[in-house]
Amino acid sequence: MARSLKKGPYINENLLKKMKRVKPKDTVIKTWARDCTIVPEMVGFTFGVHNGKEHIPVKVTEDMVGHKLGEFSATTKFVRHGGRIQRELEQKQVQSKAQAGRTEIKEE
């Protein structure tokens, strides 16, 4: 459920304090606050957003303002769909890459 407009966006105060201590593009700021709304002051910073297992680096740009940090750090790993046909397609791609690698070695 979305946050009420009368309450305003949720911004983690500790995260703002960390931002004031470091310079943009300097280091990755680790955070567990996935529900924190991205504000214009965050543009240019890189946040390590925790996905439940590790911190995923998220570089904040202008078009991310208004979204939540957690939207850019997926919590589930996508497992491919398809069975035998998908496997055959992947094998063909691997073989074509291997052949391309062989031709580069011969040229050198």
C-alpha atoms as a PDB file:
ATOM      1  CA  MET A   1       0.000   0.000   0.000  1.00  0.00           C
ATOM      2  CA  ALA A   2       1.329   3.421  -0.922  1.00  0.00           C
ATOM      3  CA  ARG A   3       2.258   5.956   1.710  1.00  0.00           C
ATOM      4  CA  SER A   4      -0.347   8.659   2.421  1.00  0.00           C
ATOM      5  CA  LEU A   5       0.245  11.938   0.602  1.00  0.00           C
ATOM      6  CA  LYS A   6      -0.378  13.942   3.772  1.00  0.00           C
ATOM      7  CA  LYS A   7       2.503  12.120   5.490  1.00  0.00           C
ATOM      8  CA  GLY A   8       4.965  12.783   2.678  1.00  0.00           C
ATOM      9  CA  PRO A   9       7.731  10.474   1.451  1.00  0.00           C
ATOM     10  CA  TYR A  10       9.645   8.258   3.865  1.00  0.00           C
ATOM     11  CA  ILE A  11      13.315   9.215   3.966  1.00  0.00           C
ATOM     12  CA  ASN A  12      15.691   7.448   6.331  1.00  0.00           C
ATOM     13  CA  GLU A  13      17.423  10.080   8.495  1.00  0.00           C
ATOM     14  CA  ASN A  14      20.485   7.882   9.083  1.00  0.00           C
ATOM     15  CA  LEU A  15      20.932   7.557   5.330  1.00  0.00           C
ATOM     16  CA  LEU A  16      20.919  11.344   4.933  1.00  0.00           C
ATOM     17  CA  LYS A  17      23.568  11.639   7.674  1.00  0.00           C
ATOM     18  CA  LYS A  18      25.763   9.103   5.865  1.00  0.00           C
ATOM     19  CA  MET A  19      25.346  11.068   2.616  1.00  0.00           C
ATOM     20  CA  LYS A  20      26.565  14.275   4.289  1.00  0.00           C
ATOM     21  CA  ARG A  21      29.740  12.527   5.512  1.00  0.00           C
ATOM     22  CA  VAL A  22      30.869  11.255   2.089  1.00  0.00           C
ATOM     23  CA  LYS A  23      31.190  12.835  -1.338  1.00  0.00           C
ATOM     24  CA  PRO A  24      29.166  11.662  -4.343  1.00  0.00           C
ATOM     25  CA  LYS A  25      30.971   9.047  -6.456  1.00  0.00           C
ATOM     26  CA  ASP A  26      33.383   8.508  -3.544  1.00  0.00           C
ATOM     27  CA  THR A  27      32.227   5.265  -1.917  1.00  0.00           C
ATOM     28  CA  VAL A  28      29.268   2.915  -1.777  1.00  0.00           C
ATOM     29  CA  ILE A  29      26.873   3.715   1.073  1.00  0.00           C
ATOM     30  CA  LYS A  30      25.523   0.444   2.476  1.00  0.00           C
ATOM     31  CA  THR A  31      21.892   0.474   3.529  1.00  0.00           C
ATOM     32  CA  TRP A  32      19.122  -1.892   4.559  1.00  0.00           C
ATOM     33  CA  ALA A  33      16.440   0.794   4.067  1.00  0.00           C
ATOM     34  CA  ARG A  34      14.784  -0.563   0.937  1.00  0.00           C
ATOM     35  CA  ASP A  35      11.624   1.442   1.683  1.00  0.00           C
ATOM     36  CA  CYS A  36      13.423   4.797   1.614  1.00  0.00           C
ATOM     37  CA  THR A  37      12.178   7.145  -1.120  1.00  0.00           C
ATOM     38  CA  ILE A  38      14.836   8.548  -3.469  1.00  0.00           C
ATOM     39  CA  VAL A  39      15.056  12.346  -3.209  1.00  0.00           C
ATOM     40  CA  PRO A  40      16.950  14.776  -5.487  1.00  0.00           C
ATOM     41  CA  GLU A  41      19.775  15.101  -2.914  1.00  0.00           C
ATOM     42  CA  MET A  42      20.633  11.427  -3.525  1.00  0.00           C
ATOM     43  CA  VAL A  43      21.398  11.880  -7.241  1.00  0.00           C
ATOM     44  CA  GLY A  44      25.002  10.945  -7.997  1.00  0.00           C
ATOM     45  CA  PHE A  45      25.485   8.706  -4.966  1.00  0.00           C
ATOM     46  CA  THR A  46      25.944   4.940  -5.133  1.00  0.00           C
ATOM     47  CA  PHE A  47      24.041   2.940  -2.537  1.00  0.00           C
ATOM     48  CA  GLY A  48      24.611  -0.684  -1.609  1.00  0.00           C
ATOM     49  CA  VAL A  49      20.985  -1.806  -1.193  1.00  0.00           C
ATOM     50  CA  HIS A  50      20.594  -5.058   0.735  1.00  0.00           C
ATOM     51  CA  ASN A  51      18.502  -7.682  -1.050  1.00  0.00           C
ATOM     52  CA  GLY A  52      18.415 -10.191   1.817  1.00  0.00           C
ATOM     53  CA  LYS A  53      21.733 -11.811   0.937  1.00  0.00           C
ATOM     54  CA  GLU A  54      24.145  -9.153  -0.295  1.00  0.00           C
ATOM     55  CA  HIS A  55      24.395  -5.438  -1.038  1.00  0.00           C
ATOM     56  CA  ILE A  56      23.580  -4.612  -4.663  1.00  0.00           C
ATOM     57  CA  PRO A  57      25.198  -1.351  -5.895  1.00  0.00           C
ATOM     58  CA  VAL A  58      22.578   1.125  -7.149  1.00  0.00           C
ATOM     59  CA  LYS A  59      23.799   4.328  -8.824  1.00  0.00           C
ATOM     60  CA  VAL A  60      21.068   6.950  -8.376  1.00  0.00           C
ATOM     61  CA  THR A  61      20.180   9.041 -11.436  1.00  0.00           C
ATOM     62  CA  GLU A  62      17.638  11.821 -11.957  1.00  0.00           C
ATOM     63  CA  ASP A  63      14.954   9.562 -13.403  1.00  0.00           C
ATOM     64  CA  MET A  64      14.916   7.450 -10.197  1.00  0.00           C
ATOM     65  CA  VAL A  65      13.666  10.325  -8.016  1.00  0.00           C
ATOM     66  CA  GLY A  66      10.362   9.436  -6.356  1.00  0.00           C
ATOM     67  CA  HIS A  67      10.946   5.673  -6.491  1.00  0.00           C
ATOM     68  CA  LYS A  68      12.057   3.452  -3.609  1.00  0.00           C
ATOM     69  CA  LEU A  69      15.622   2.108  -3.242  1.00  0.00           C
ATOM     70  CA  GLY A  70      14.323  -1.465  -3.054  1.00  0.00           C
ATOM     71  CA  GLU A  71      12.877  -1.271  -6.571  1.00  0.00           C
ATOM     72  CA  PHE A  72      16.386  -1.376  -8.016  1.00  0.00           C
ATOM     73  CA  SER A  73      17.672  -4.323  -5.978  1.00  0.00           C
ATOM     74  CA  ALA A  74      15.902  -7.561  -6.909  1.00  0.00           C
ATOM     75  CA  THR A  75      15.331 -10.015  -4.059  1.00  0.00           C
ATOM     76  CA  THR A  76      14.762 -13.078  -6.226  1.00  0.00           C
ATOM     77  CA  LYS A  77      16.971 -14.709  -8.810  1.00  0.00           C
ATOM     78  CA  PHE A  78      15.372 -15.336 -12.187  1.00  0.00           C
ATOM     79  CA  VAL A  79      15.596 -18.953 -13.327  1.00  0.00           C
ATOM     80  CA  ARG A  80      15.172 -19.365 -17.069  1.00  0.00           C
ATOM     81  CA  HIS A  81      12.067 -20.839 -18.556  1.00  0.00           C
ATOM     82  CA  GLY A  82      12.137 -23.556 -21.151  1.00  0.00           C
ATOM     83  CA  GLY A  83      13.444 -27.060 -21.276  1.00  0.00           C
ATOM     84  CA  ARG A  84      15.120 -28.976 -24.077  1.00  0.00           C
ATOM     85  CA  ILE A  85      14.617 -26.295 -26.749  1.00  0.00           C
ATOM     86  CA  GLN A  86      16.113 -23.586 -24.540  1.00  0.00           C
ATOM     87  CA  ARG A  87      19.126 -25.785 -23.753  1.00  0.00           C
ATOM     88  CA  GLU A  88      19.735 -26.401 -27.478  1.00  0.00           C
ATOM     89  CA  LEU A  89      19.641 -22.674 -28.212  1.00  0.00           C
ATOM     90  CA  GLU A  90      22.120 -21.965 -25.431  1.00  0.00           C
ATOM     91  CA  GLN A  91      24.487 -24.680 -26.685  1.00  0.00           C
ATOM     92  CA  LYS A  92      24.437 -23.136 -30.157  1.00  0.00           C
ATOM     93  CA  GLN A  93      25.327 -19.738 -28.672  1.00  0.00           C
ATOM     94  CA  VAL A  94      28.217 -21.233 -26.696  1.00  0.00           C
ATOM     95  CA  GLN A  95      29.532 -23.018 -29.803  1.00  0.00           C
ATOM     96  CA  SER A  96      29.357 -19.855 -31.913  1.00  0.00           C
ATOM     97  CA  LYS A  97      31.241 -17.896 -29.219  1.00  0.00           C
ATOM     98  CA  ALA A  98      33.860 -20.635 -29.021  1.00  0.00           C
ATOM     99  CA  GLN A  99      34.327 -20.544 -32.796  1.00  0.00           C
ATOM    100  CA  ALA A 100      34.654 -16.763 -32.721  1.00  0.00           C
ATOM    101  CA  GLY A 101      37.309 -17.123 -30.027  1.00  0.00           C
ATOM    102  CA  ARG A 102      39.253 -19.624 -32.130  1.00  0.00           C
ATOM    103  CA  THR A 103      39.297 -17.303 -35.136  1.00  0.00           C
ATOM    104  CA  GLU A 104      40.628 -14.447 -32.976  1.00  0.00           C
ATOM    105  CA  ILE A 105      43.446 -16.660 -31.696  1.00  0.00           C
ATOM    106  CA  LYS A 106      44.409 -17.673 -35.267  1.00  0.00           C
ATOM    107  CA  GLU A 107      44.521 -14.022 -36.367  1.00  0.00           C
ATOM    108  CA  GLU A 108      46.977 -13.109 -33.606  1.00  0.00           C
END
